[in-house]
Amino acid sequence: MSRLTDLPGEVTSLVAAIVEALDLPLPSIEDGDEAKHYWVLEKRAQDVTIGLSMLLKFADEMPITEAAVYVRDWTKRHPATYTPFDITSAEGER
C-alpha cells in the first residue's frame, strides 16, 4: 500500500473507506452464513457504488472527503453479523 502515499490525503481516505467496506471476513461453513455474507457484501457494494456515483455526478459540489464519510457511515449500517470462517475448526474436521 505504499503507492497510496503518493495520492492526496482525501483520495487515500476514500480508497481506504472502499477497501474497509468490501473487505469482509469469509463466512463459516454453517448453514446460512454464506447467504448472510453475500447479502452484507451486496449491500456494501451498492453503498460504495452510490457514494462514487454521487461523487462523479456532483464533482463540483461534493468533496471527496464527503464520499468517504458516506461510504463509512453506510458500511456501519450493514455489519457482518454472520460467523466468520475459523481455520482451526476447519482443520479439526479433516
PDB file of N, CA and C in Angstrom:
ATOM      1  N   MET A   1       0.806  -1.198   0.000  1.00  0.00           N
ATOM      2  CA  MET A   1       0.000   0.000   0.000  1.00  0.00           C
ATOM      3  C   MET A   1       0.851   1.263   0.000  1.00  0.00           C
ATOM      4  N   SER A   2       2.131   1.124  -0.184  1.00  0.00           N
ATOM      5  CA  SER A   2       2.981   2.309  -0.167  1.00  0.00           C
ATOM      6  C   SER A   2       2.654   3.262  -1.307  1.00  0.00           C
ATOM      7  N   ARG A   3       2.057   2.760  -2.393  1.00  0.00           N
ATOM      8  CA  ARG A   3       1.699   3.623  -3.517  1.00  0.00           C
ATOM      9  C   ARG A   3       0.640   4.642  -3.110  1.00  0.00           C
ATOM     10  N   LEU A   4      -0.160   4.345  -2.111  1.00  0.00           N
ATOM     11  CA  LEU A   4      -1.193   5.275  -1.674  1.00  0.00           C
ATOM     12  C   LEU A   4      -0.605   6.558  -1.117  1.00  0.00           C
ATOM     13  N   THR A   5       0.607   6.521  -0.647  1.00  0.00           N
ATOM     14  CA  THR A   5       1.210   7.721  -0.087  1.00  0.00           C
ATOM     15  C   THR A   5       1.412   8.805  -1.139  1.00  0.00           C
ATOM     16  N   ASP A   6       1.422   8.434  -2.407  1.00  0.00           N
ATOM     17  CA  ASP A   6       1.569   9.410  -3.474  1.00  0.00           C
ATOM     18  C   ASP A   6       0.249  10.105  -3.814  1.00  0.00           C
ATOM     19  N   LEU A   7      -0.848   9.578  -3.326  1.00  0.00           N
ATOM     20  CA  LEU A   7      -2.160  10.159  -3.584  1.00  0.00           C
ATOM     21  C   LEU A   7      -2.466  11.250  -2.571  1.00  0.00           C
ATOM     22  N   PRO A   8      -3.307  12.215  -2.955  1.00  0.00           N
ATOM     23  CA  PRO A   8      -3.730  13.218  -1.975  1.00  0.00           C
ATOM     24  C   PRO A   8      -4.452  12.541  -0.801  1.00  0.00           C
ATOM     25  N   GLY A   9      -4.370  13.142   0.364  1.00  0.00           N
ATOM     26  CA  GLY A   9      -4.944  12.560   1.575  1.00  0.00           C
ATOM     27  C   GLY A   9      -6.403  12.192   1.462  1.00  0.00           C
ATOM     28  N   GLU A  10      -7.222  13.044   0.810  1.00  0.00           N
ATOM     29  CA  GLU A  10      -8.653  12.753   0.700  1.00  0.00           C
ATOM     30  C   GLU A  10      -8.921  11.575  -0.229  1.00  0.00           C
ATOM     31  N   VAL A  11      -8.071  11.387  -1.238  1.00  0.00           N
ATOM     32  CA  VAL A  11      -8.217  10.238  -2.131  1.00  0.00           C
ATOM     33  C   VAL A  11      -7.832   8.963  -1.383  1.00  0.00           C
ATOM     34  N   THR A  12      -6.760   9.025  -0.630  1.00  0.00           N
ATOM     35  CA  THR A  12      -6.353   7.884   0.188  1.00  0.00           C
ATOM     36  C   THR A  12      -7.449   7.501   1.163  1.00  0.00           C
ATOM     37  N   SER A  13      -8.085   8.480   1.763  1.00  0.00           N
ATOM     38  CA  SER A  13      -9.174   8.223   2.699  1.00  0.00           C
ATOM     39  C   SER A  13     -10.354   7.539   2.011  1.00  0.00           C
ATOM     40  N   LEU A  14     -10.693   7.983   0.809  1.00  0.00           N
ATOM     41  CA  LEU A  14     -11.793   7.371   0.066  1.00  0.00           C
ATOM     42  C   LEU A  14     -11.456   5.938  -0.323  1.00  0.00           C
ATOM     43  N   VAL A  15     -10.247   5.716  -0.825  1.00  0.00           N
ATOM     44  CA  VAL A  15      -9.839   4.362  -1.203  1.00  0.00           C
ATOM     45  C   VAL A  15      -9.843   3.454   0.028  1.00  0.00           C
ATOM     46  N   ALA A  16      -9.364   3.938   1.148  1.00  0.00           N
ATOM     47  CA  ALA A  16      -9.367   3.151   2.391  1.00  0.00           C
ATOM     48  C   ALA A  16     -10.794   2.824   2.818  1.00  0.00           C
ATOM     49  N   ALA A  17     -11.715   3.772   2.689  1.00  0.00           N
ATOM     50  CA  ALA A  17     -13.119   3.529   3.054  1.00  0.00           C
ATOM     51  C   ALA A  17     -13.726   2.439   2.176  1.00  0.00           C
ATOM     52  N   ILE A  18     -13.383   2.455   0.898  1.00  0.00           N
ATOM     53  CA  ILE A  18     -13.894   1.433  -0.020  1.00  0.00           C
ATOM     54  C   ILE A  18     -13.336   0.066   0.332  1.00  0.00           C
ATOM     55  N   VAL A  19     -12.041   0.005   0.583  1.00  0.00           N
ATOM     56  CA  VAL A  19     -11.420  -1.275   0.958  1.00  0.00           C
ATOM     57  C   VAL A  19     -12.030  -1.803   2.253  1.00  0.00           C
ATOM     58  N   GLU A  20     -12.195  -0.941   3.245  1.00  0.00           N
ATOM     59  CA  GLU A  20     -12.792  -1.354   4.516  1.00  0.00           C
ATOM     60  C   GLU A  20     -14.220  -1.862   4.317  1.00  0.00           C
ATOM     61  N   ALA A  21     -14.969  -1.221   3.439  1.00  0.00           N
ATOM     62  CA  ALA A  21     -16.356  -1.619   3.200  1.00  0.00           C
ATOM     63  C   ALA A  21     -16.451  -2.993   2.555  1.00  0.00           C
ATOM     64  N   LEU A  22     -15.542  -3.291   1.652  1.00  0.00           N
ATOM     65  CA  LEU A  22     -15.643  -4.529   0.873  1.00  0.00           C
ATOM     66  C   LEU A  22     -14.793  -5.675   1.401  1.00  0.00           C
ATOM     67  N   ASP A  23     -13.944  -5.405   2.367  1.00  0.00           N
ATOM     68  CA  ASP A  23     -13.064  -6.435   2.918  1.00  0.00           C
ATOM     69  C   ASP A  23     -13.762  -7.117   4.092  1.00  0.00           C
ATOM     70  N   LEU A  24     -14.558  -8.122   3.768  1.00  0.00           N
ATOM     71  CA  LEU A  24     -15.309  -8.851   4.786  1.00  0.00           C
ATOM     72  C   LEU A  24     -14.637 -10.189   5.082  1.00  0.00           C
ATOM     73  N   PRO A  25     -14.753 -10.653   6.328  1.00  0.00           N
ATOM     74  CA  PRO A  25     -14.214 -11.987   6.615  1.00  0.00           C
ATOM     75  C   PRO A  25     -15.030 -13.056   5.894  1.00  0.00           C
ATOM     76  N   LEU A  26     -14.364 -14.122   5.504  1.00  0.00           N
ATOM     77  CA  LEU A  26     -15.079 -15.231   4.876  1.00  0.00           C
ATOM     78  C   LEU A  26     -16.089 -15.815   5.864  1.00  0.00           C
ATOM     79  N   PRO A  27     -17.217 -16.315   5.372  1.00  0.00           N
ATOM     80  CA  PRO A  27     -18.212 -16.885   6.276  1.00  0.00           C
ATOM     81  C   PRO A  27     -17.845 -18.310   6.698  1.00  0.00           C
ATOM     82  N   SER A  28     -18.387 -18.713   7.822  1.00  0.00           N
ATOM     83  CA  SER A  28     -18.192 -20.096   8.270  1.00  0.00           C
ATOM     84  C   SER A  28     -18.950 -21.030   7.332  1.00  0.00           C
ATOM     85  N   ILE A  29     -18.787 -22.312   7.541  1.00  0.00           N
ATOM     86  CA  ILE A  29     -19.483 -23.284   6.713  1.00  0.00           C
ATOM     87  C   ILE A  29     -20.841 -23.664   7.312  1.00  0.00           C
ATOM     88  N   GLU A  30     -21.235 -22.980   8.363  1.00  0.00           N
ATOM     89  CA  GLU A  30     -22.536 -23.231   8.984  1.00  0.00           C
ATOM     90  C   GLU A  30     -23.658 -22.791   8.043  1.00  0.00           C
ATOM     91  N   ASP A  31     -24.825 -23.400   8.219  1.00  0.00           N
ATOM     92  CA  ASP A  31     -25.985 -23.063   7.402  1.00  0.00           C
ATOM     93  C   ASP A  31     -26.317 -21.581   7.499  1.00  0.00           C
ATOM     94  N   GLY A  32     -26.495 -20.965   6.375  1.00  0.00           N
ATOM     95  CA  GLY A  32     -26.939 -19.579   6.320  1.00  0.00           C
ATOM     96  C   GLY A  32     -25.846 -18.529   6.355  1.00  0.00           C
ATOM     97  N   ASP A  33     -24.668 -18.863   6.824  1.00  0.00           N
ATOM     98  CA  ASP A  33     -23.610 -17.850   6.928  1.00  0.00           C
ATOM     99  C   ASP A  33     -23.145 -17.356   5.558  1.00  0.00           C
ATOM    100  N   GLU A  34     -23.102 -18.252   4.582  1.00  0.00           N
ATOM    101  CA  GLU A  34     -22.683 -17.825   3.245  1.00  0.00           C
ATOM    102  C   GLU A  34     -23.699 -16.850   2.652  1.00  0.00           C
ATOM    103  N   ALA A  35     -24.973 -17.106   2.840  1.00  0.00           N
ATOM    104  CA  ALA A  35     -26.019 -16.203   2.339  1.00  0.00           C
ATOM    105  C   ALA A  35     -25.947 -14.856   3.050  1.00  0.00           C
ATOM    106  N   LYS A  36     -25.701 -14.879   4.360  1.00  0.00           N
ATOM    107  CA  LYS A  36     -25.575 -13.632   5.115  1.00  0.00           C
ATOM    108  C   LYS A  36     -24.365 -12.835   4.638  1.00  0.00           C
ATOM    109  N   HIS A  37     -23.250 -13.517   4.398  1.00  0.00           N
ATOM    110  CA  HIS A  37     -22.037 -12.867   3.888  1.00  0.00           C
ATOM    111  C   HIS A  37     -22.322 -12.205   2.544  1.00  0.00           C
ATOM    112  N   TYR A  38     -22.966 -12.944   1.653  1.00  0.00           N
ATOM    113  CA  TYR A  38     -23.274 -12.408   0.334  1.00  0.00           C
ATOM    114  C   TYR A  38     -24.180 -11.185   0.448  1.00  0.00           C
ATOM    115  N   TRP A  39     -25.177 -11.237   1.317  1.00  0.00           N
ATOM    116  CA  TRP A  39     -26.111 -10.117   1.487  1.00  0.00           C
ATOM    117  C   TRP A  39     -25.377  -8.870   1.972  1.00  0.00           C
ATOM    118  N   VAL A  40     -24.506  -9.024   2.981  1.00  0.00           N
ATOM    119  CA  VAL A  40     -23.751  -7.878   3.508  1.00  0.00           C
ATOM    120  C   VAL A  40     -22.835  -7.321   2.420  1.00  0.00           C
ATOM    121  N   LEU A  41     -22.146  -8.185   1.702  1.00  0.00           N
ATOM    122  CA  LEU A  41     -21.243  -7.736   0.636  1.00  0.00           C
ATOM    123  C   LEU A  41     -22.020  -7.004  -0.462  1.00  0.00           C
ATOM    124  N   GLU A  42     -23.183  -7.539  -0.815  1.00  0.00           N
ATOM    125  CA  GLU A  42     -24.008  -6.899  -1.841  1.00  0.00           C
ATOM    126  C   GLU A  42     -24.462  -5.504  -1.394  1.00  0.00           C
ATOM    127  N   LYS A  43     -24.935  -5.387  -0.162  1.00  0.00           N
ATOM    128  CA  LYS A  43     -25.390  -4.089   0.354  1.00  0.00           C
ATOM    129  C   LYS A  43     -24.234  -3.090   0.398  1.00  0.00           C
ATOM    130  N   ARG A  44     -23.082  -3.536   0.865  1.00  0.00           N
ATOM    131  CA  ARG A  44     -21.934  -2.633   0.944  1.00  0.00           C
ATOM    132  C   ARG A  44     -21.450  -2.220  -0.446  1.00  0.00           C
ATOM    133  N   ALA A  45     -21.478  -3.142  -1.393  1.00  0.00           N
ATOM    134  CA  ALA A  45     -21.080  -2.798  -2.765  1.00  0.00           C
ATOM    135  C   ALA A  45     -22.049  -1.768  -3.350  1.00  0.00           C
ATOM    136  N   GLN A  46     -23.334  -1.908  -3.051  1.00  0.00           N
ATOM    137  CA  GLN A  46     -24.310  -0.914  -3.504  1.00  0.00           C
ATOM    138  C   GLN A  46     -24.019   0.447  -2.896  1.00  0.00           C
ATOM    139  N   ASP A  47     -23.690   0.471  -1.618  1.00  0.00           N
ATOM    140  CA  ASP A  47     -23.386   1.735  -0.943  1.00  0.00           C
ATOM    141  C   ASP A  47     -22.145   2.402  -1.533  1.00  0.00           C
ATOM    142  N   VAL A  48     -21.119   1.604  -1.817  1.00  0.00           N
ATOM    143  CA  VAL A  48     -19.903   2.141  -2.433  1.00  0.00           C
ATOM    144  C   VAL A  48     -20.237   2.702  -3.816  1.00  0.00           C
ATOM    145  N   THR A  49     -21.025   1.968  -4.584  1.00  0.00           N
ATOM    146  CA  THR A  49     -21.415   2.427  -5.913  1.00  0.00           C
ATOM    147  C   THR A  49     -22.179   3.745  -5.845  1.00  0.00           C
ATOM    148  N   ILE A  50     -23.103   3.853  -4.913  1.00  0.00           N
ATOM    149  CA  ILE A  50     -23.868   5.095  -4.754  1.00  0.00           C
ATOM    150  C   ILE A  50     -22.950   6.254  -4.375  1.00  0.00           C
ATOM    151  N   GLY A  51     -22.061   6.019  -3.415  1.00  0.00           N
ATOM    152  CA  GLY A  51     -21.136   7.066  -2.985  1.00  0.00           C
ATOM    153  C   GLY A  51     -20.251   7.554  -4.123  1.00  0.00           C
ATOM    154  N   LEU A  52     -19.714   6.622  -4.905  1.00  0.00           N
ATOM    155  CA  LEU A  52     -18.853   7.003  -6.022  1.00  0.00           C
ATOM    156  C   LEU A  52     -19.653   7.663  -7.143  1.00  0.00           C
ATOM    157  N   SER A  53     -20.863   7.184  -7.375  1.00  0.00           N
ATOM    158  CA  SER A  53     -21.721   7.795  -8.400  1.00  0.00           C
ATOM    159  C   SER A  53     -22.065   9.232  -8.038  1.00  0.00           C
ATOM    160  N   MET A  54     -22.371   9.460  -6.766  1.00  0.00           N
ATOM    161  CA  MET A  54     -22.673  10.822  -6.315  1.00  0.00           C
ATOM    162  C   MET A  54     -21.449  11.711  -6.491  1.00  0.00           C
ATOM    163  N   LEU A  55     -20.290  11.175  -6.165  1.00  0.00           N
ATOM    164  CA  LEU A  55     -19.057  11.950  -6.311  1.00  0.00           C
ATOM    165  C   LEU A  55     -18.830  12.335  -7.770  1.00  0.00           C
ATOM    166  N   LEU A  56     -19.053  11.403  -8.687  1.00  0.00           N
ATOM    167  CA  LEU A  56     -18.868  11.694 -10.108  1.00  0.00           C
ATOM    168  C   LEU A  56     -19.920  12.666 -10.631  1.00  0.00           C
ATOM    169  N   LYS A  57     -21.159  12.474 -10.208  1.00  0.00           N
ATOM    170  CA  LYS A  57     -22.246  13.317 -10.700  1.00  0.00           C
ATOM    171  C   LYS A  57     -22.165  14.742 -10.158  1.00  0.00           C
ATOM    172  N   PHE A  58     -21.785  14.867  -8.910  1.00  0.00           N
ATOM    173  CA  PHE A  58     -21.746  16.176  -8.254  1.00  0.00           C
ATOM    174  C   PHE A  58     -20.315  16.573  -7.890  1.00  0.00           C
ATOM    175  N   ALA A  59     -19.378  16.306  -8.780  1.00  0.00           N
ATOM    176  CA  ALA A  59     -17.958  16.546  -8.505  1.00  0.00           C
ATOM    177  C   ALA A  59     -17.664  17.987  -8.104  1.00  0.00           C
ATOM    178  N   ASP A  60     -18.398  18.931  -8.671  1.00  0.00           N
ATOM    179  CA  ASP A  60     -18.155  20.340  -8.363  1.00  0.00           C
ATOM    180  C   ASP A  60     -18.697  20.742  -6.992  1.00  0.00           C
ATOM    181  N   GLU A  61     -19.651  19.970  -6.487  1.00  0.00           N
ATOM    182  CA  GLU A  61     -20.324  20.335  -5.237  1.00  0.00           C
ATOM    183  C   GLU A  61     -19.966  19.422  -4.063  1.00  0.00           C
ATOM    184  N   MET A  62     -19.474  18.225  -4.346  1.00  0.00           N
ATOM    185  CA  MET A  62     -19.244  17.228  -3.300  1.00  0.00           C
ATOM    186  C   MET A  62     -17.752  16.976  -3.126  1.00  0.00           C
ATOM    187  N   PRO A  63     -17.225  17.298  -1.956  1.00  0.00           N
ATOM    188  CA  PRO A  63     -15.806  16.993  -1.731  1.00  0.00           C
ATOM    189  C   PRO A  63     -15.585  15.484  -1.606  1.00  0.00           C
ATOM    190  N   ILE A  64     -14.402  15.057  -1.961  1.00  0.00           N
ATOM    191  CA  ILE A  64     -14.058  13.636  -1.872  1.00  0.00           C
ATOM    192  C   ILE A  64     -14.209  13.131  -0.442  1.00  0.00           C
ATOM    193  N   THR A  65     -13.881  13.971   0.519  1.00  0.00           N
ATOM    194  CA  THR A  65     -13.989  13.547   1.923  1.00  0.00           C
ATOM    195  C   THR A  65     -15.427  13.197   2.290  1.00  0.00           C
ATOM    196  N   GLU A  66     -16.395  13.880   1.679  1.00  0.00           N
ATOM    197  CA  GLU A  66     -17.804  13.587   1.958  1.00  0.00           C
ATOM    198  C   GLU A  66     -18.188  12.205   1.424  1.00  0.00           C
ATOM    199  N   ALA A  67     -17.640  11.819   0.291  1.00  0.00           N
ATOM    200  CA  ALA A  67     -17.896  10.490  -0.256  1.00  0.00           C
ATOM    201  C   ALA A  67     -17.330   9.416   0.673  1.00  0.00           C
ATOM    202  N   ALA A  68     -16.152   9.661   1.223  1.00  0.00           N
ATOM    203  CA  ALA A  68     -15.556   8.701   2.163  1.00  0.00           C
ATOM    204  C   ALA A  68     -16.405   8.577   3.417  1.00  0.00           C
ATOM    205  N   VAL A  69     -16.919   9.698   3.918  1.00  0.00           N
ATOM    206  CA  VAL A  69     -17.797   9.681   5.100  1.00  0.00           C
ATOM    207  C   VAL A  69     -19.073   8.905   4.784  1.00  0.00           C
ATOM    208  N   TYR A  70     -19.643   9.127   3.605  1.00  0.00           N
ATOM    209  CA  TYR A  70     -20.855   8.416   3.194  1.00  0.00           C
ATOM    210  C   TYR A  70     -20.615   6.909   3.201  1.00  0.00           C
ATOM    211  N   VAL A  71     -19.523   6.478   2.569  1.00  0.00           N
ATOM    212  CA  VAL A  71     -19.221   5.043   2.493  1.00  0.00           C
ATOM    213  C   VAL A  71     -19.050   4.464   3.893  1.00  0.00           C
ATOM    214  N   ARG A  72     -18.320   5.146   4.754  1.00  0.00           N
ATOM    215  CA  ARG A  72     -18.103   4.634   6.114  1.00  0.00           C
ATOM    216  C   ARG A  72     -19.394   4.594   6.914  1.00  0.00           C
ATOM    217  N   ASP A  73     -20.218   5.629   6.803  1.00  0.00           N
ATOM    218  CA  ASP A  73     -21.486   5.666   7.542  1.00  0.00           C
ATOM    219  C   ASP A  73     -22.414   4.541   7.108  1.00  0.00           C
ATOM    220  N   TRP A  74     -22.514   4.317   5.813  1.00  0.00           N
ATOM    221  CA  TRP A  74     -23.410   3.272   5.329  1.00  0.00           C
ATOM    222  C   TRP A  74     -22.845   1.883   5.590  1.00  0.00           C
ATOM    223  N   THR A  75     -21.535   1.744   5.626  1.00  0.00           N
ATOM    224  CA  THR A  75     -20.930   0.457   5.955  1.00  0.00           C
ATOM    225  C   THR A  75     -21.328   0.034   7.366  1.00  0.00           C
ATOM    226  N   LYS A  76     -21.374   0.992   8.274  1.00  0.00           N
ATOM    227  CA  LYS A  76     -21.770   0.692   9.657  1.00  0.00           C
ATOM    228  C   LYS A  76     -23.198   0.166   9.737  1.00  0.00           C
ATOM    229  N   ARG A  77     -24.024   0.509   8.784  1.00  0.00           N
ATOM    230  CA  ARG A  77     -25.424   0.067   8.789  1.00  0.00           C
ATOM    231  C   ARG A  77     -25.579  -1.386   8.355  1.00  0.00           C
ATOM    232  N   HIS A  78     -24.522  -1.939   7.785  1.00  0.00           N
ATOM    233  CA  HIS A  78     -24.562  -3.335   7.335  1.00  0.00           C
ATOM    234  C   HIS A  78     -23.379  -4.089   7.930  1.00  0.00           C
ATOM    235  N   PRO A  79     -23.423  -4.345   9.248  1.00  0.00           N
ATOM    236  CA  PRO A  79     -22.299  -5.059   9.871  1.00  0.00           C
ATOM    237  C   PRO A  79     -22.292  -6.541   9.483  1.00  0.00           C
ATOM    238  N   ALA A  80     -21.146  -7.136   9.587  1.00  0.00           N
ATOM    239  CA  ALA A  80     -21.014  -8.572   9.333  1.00  0.00           C
ATOM    240  C   ALA A  80     -21.504  -9.317  10.577  1.00  0.00           C
ATOM    241  N   THR A  81     -22.731  -9.797  10.526  1.00  0.00           N
ATOM    242  CA  THR A  81     -23.344 -10.448  11.686  1.00  0.00           C
ATOM    243  C   THR A  81     -23.270 -11.974  11.618  1.00  0.00           C
ATOM    244  N   TYR A  82     -22.643 -12.484  10.586  1.00  0.00           N
ATOM    245  CA  TYR A  82     -22.505 -13.930  10.442  1.00  0.00           C
ATOM    246  C   TYR A  82     -21.255 -14.401  11.186  1.00  0.00           C
ATOM    247  N   THR A  83     -21.120 -15.706  11.320  1.00  0.00           N
ATOM    248  CA  THR A  83     -19.942 -16.285  11.960  1.00  0.00           C
ATOM    249  C   THR A  83     -18.815 -16.375  10.939  1.00  0.00           C
ATOM    250  N   PRO A  84     -17.667 -15.767  11.236  1.00  0.00           N
ATOM    251  CA  PRO A  84     -16.546 -15.845  10.288  1.00  0.00           C
ATOM    252  C   PRO A  84     -15.962 -17.253  10.239  1.00  0.00           C
ATOM    253  N   PHE A  85     -15.336 -17.567   9.125  1.00  0.00           N
ATOM    254  CA  PHE A  85     -14.659 -18.841   8.944  1.00  0.00           C
ATOM    255  C   PHE A  85     -13.509 -18.939   9.928  1.00  0.00           C
ATOM    256  N   ASP A  86     -13.375 -20.095  10.567  1.00  0.00           N
ATOM    257  CA  ASP A  86     -12.299 -20.330  11.531  1.00  0.00           C
ATOM    258  C   ASP A  86     -11.457 -21.492  11.031  1.00  0.00           C
ATOM    259  N   ILE A  87     -10.265 -21.201  10.586  1.00  0.00           N
ATOM    260  CA  ILE A  87      -9.386 -22.206  10.003  1.00  0.00           C
ATOM    261  C   ILE A  87      -9.069 -23.319  11.000  1.00  0.00           C
ATOM    262  N   THR A  88      -8.983 -22.984  12.272  1.00  0.00           N
ATOM    263  CA  THR A  88      -8.639 -24.020  13.258  1.00  0.00           C
ATOM    264  C   THR A  88      -9.762 -25.041  13.405  1.00  0.00           C
ATOM    265  N   SER A  89     -11.006 -24.611  13.357  1.00  0.00           N
ATOM    266  CA  SER A  89     -12.110 -25.580  13.461  1.00  0.00           C
ATOM    267  C   SER A  89     -12.244 -26.370  12.180  1.00  0.00           C
ATOM    268  N   ALA A  90     -11.917 -25.789  11.040  1.00  0.00           N
ATOM    269  CA  ALA A  90     -11.986 -26.496   9.763  1.00  0.00           C
ATOM    270  C   ALA A  90     -10.892 -27.560   9.680  1.00  0.00           C
ATOM    271  N   GLU A  91      -9.735 -27.285  10.235  1.00  0.00           N
ATOM    272  CA  GLU A  91      -8.640 -28.256  10.206  1.00  0.00           C
ATOM    273  C   GLU A  91      -8.979 -29.467  11.079  1.00  0.00           C
ATOM    274  N   GLY A  92      -9.726 -29.251  12.138  1.00  0.00           N
ATOM    275  CA  GLY A  92     -10.108 -30.338  13.030  1.00  0.00           C
ATOM    276  C   GLY A  92     -11.088 -31.300  12.396  1.00  0.00           C
ATOM    277  N   GLU A  93     -11.762 -30.887  11.330  1.00  0.00           N
ATOM    278  CA  GLU A  93     -12.758 -31.716  10.683  1.00  0.00           C
ATOM    279  C   GLU A  93     -12.150 -32.670   9.660  1.00  0.00           C
ATOM    280  N   ARG A  94     -10.870 -32.542   9.363  1.00  0.00           N
ATOM    281  CA  ARG A  94     -10.214 -33.387   8.363  1.00  0.00           C
ATOM    282  C   ARG A  94     -10.106 -34.803   8.804  1.00  0.00           C
TER     283      ARG A  94
END
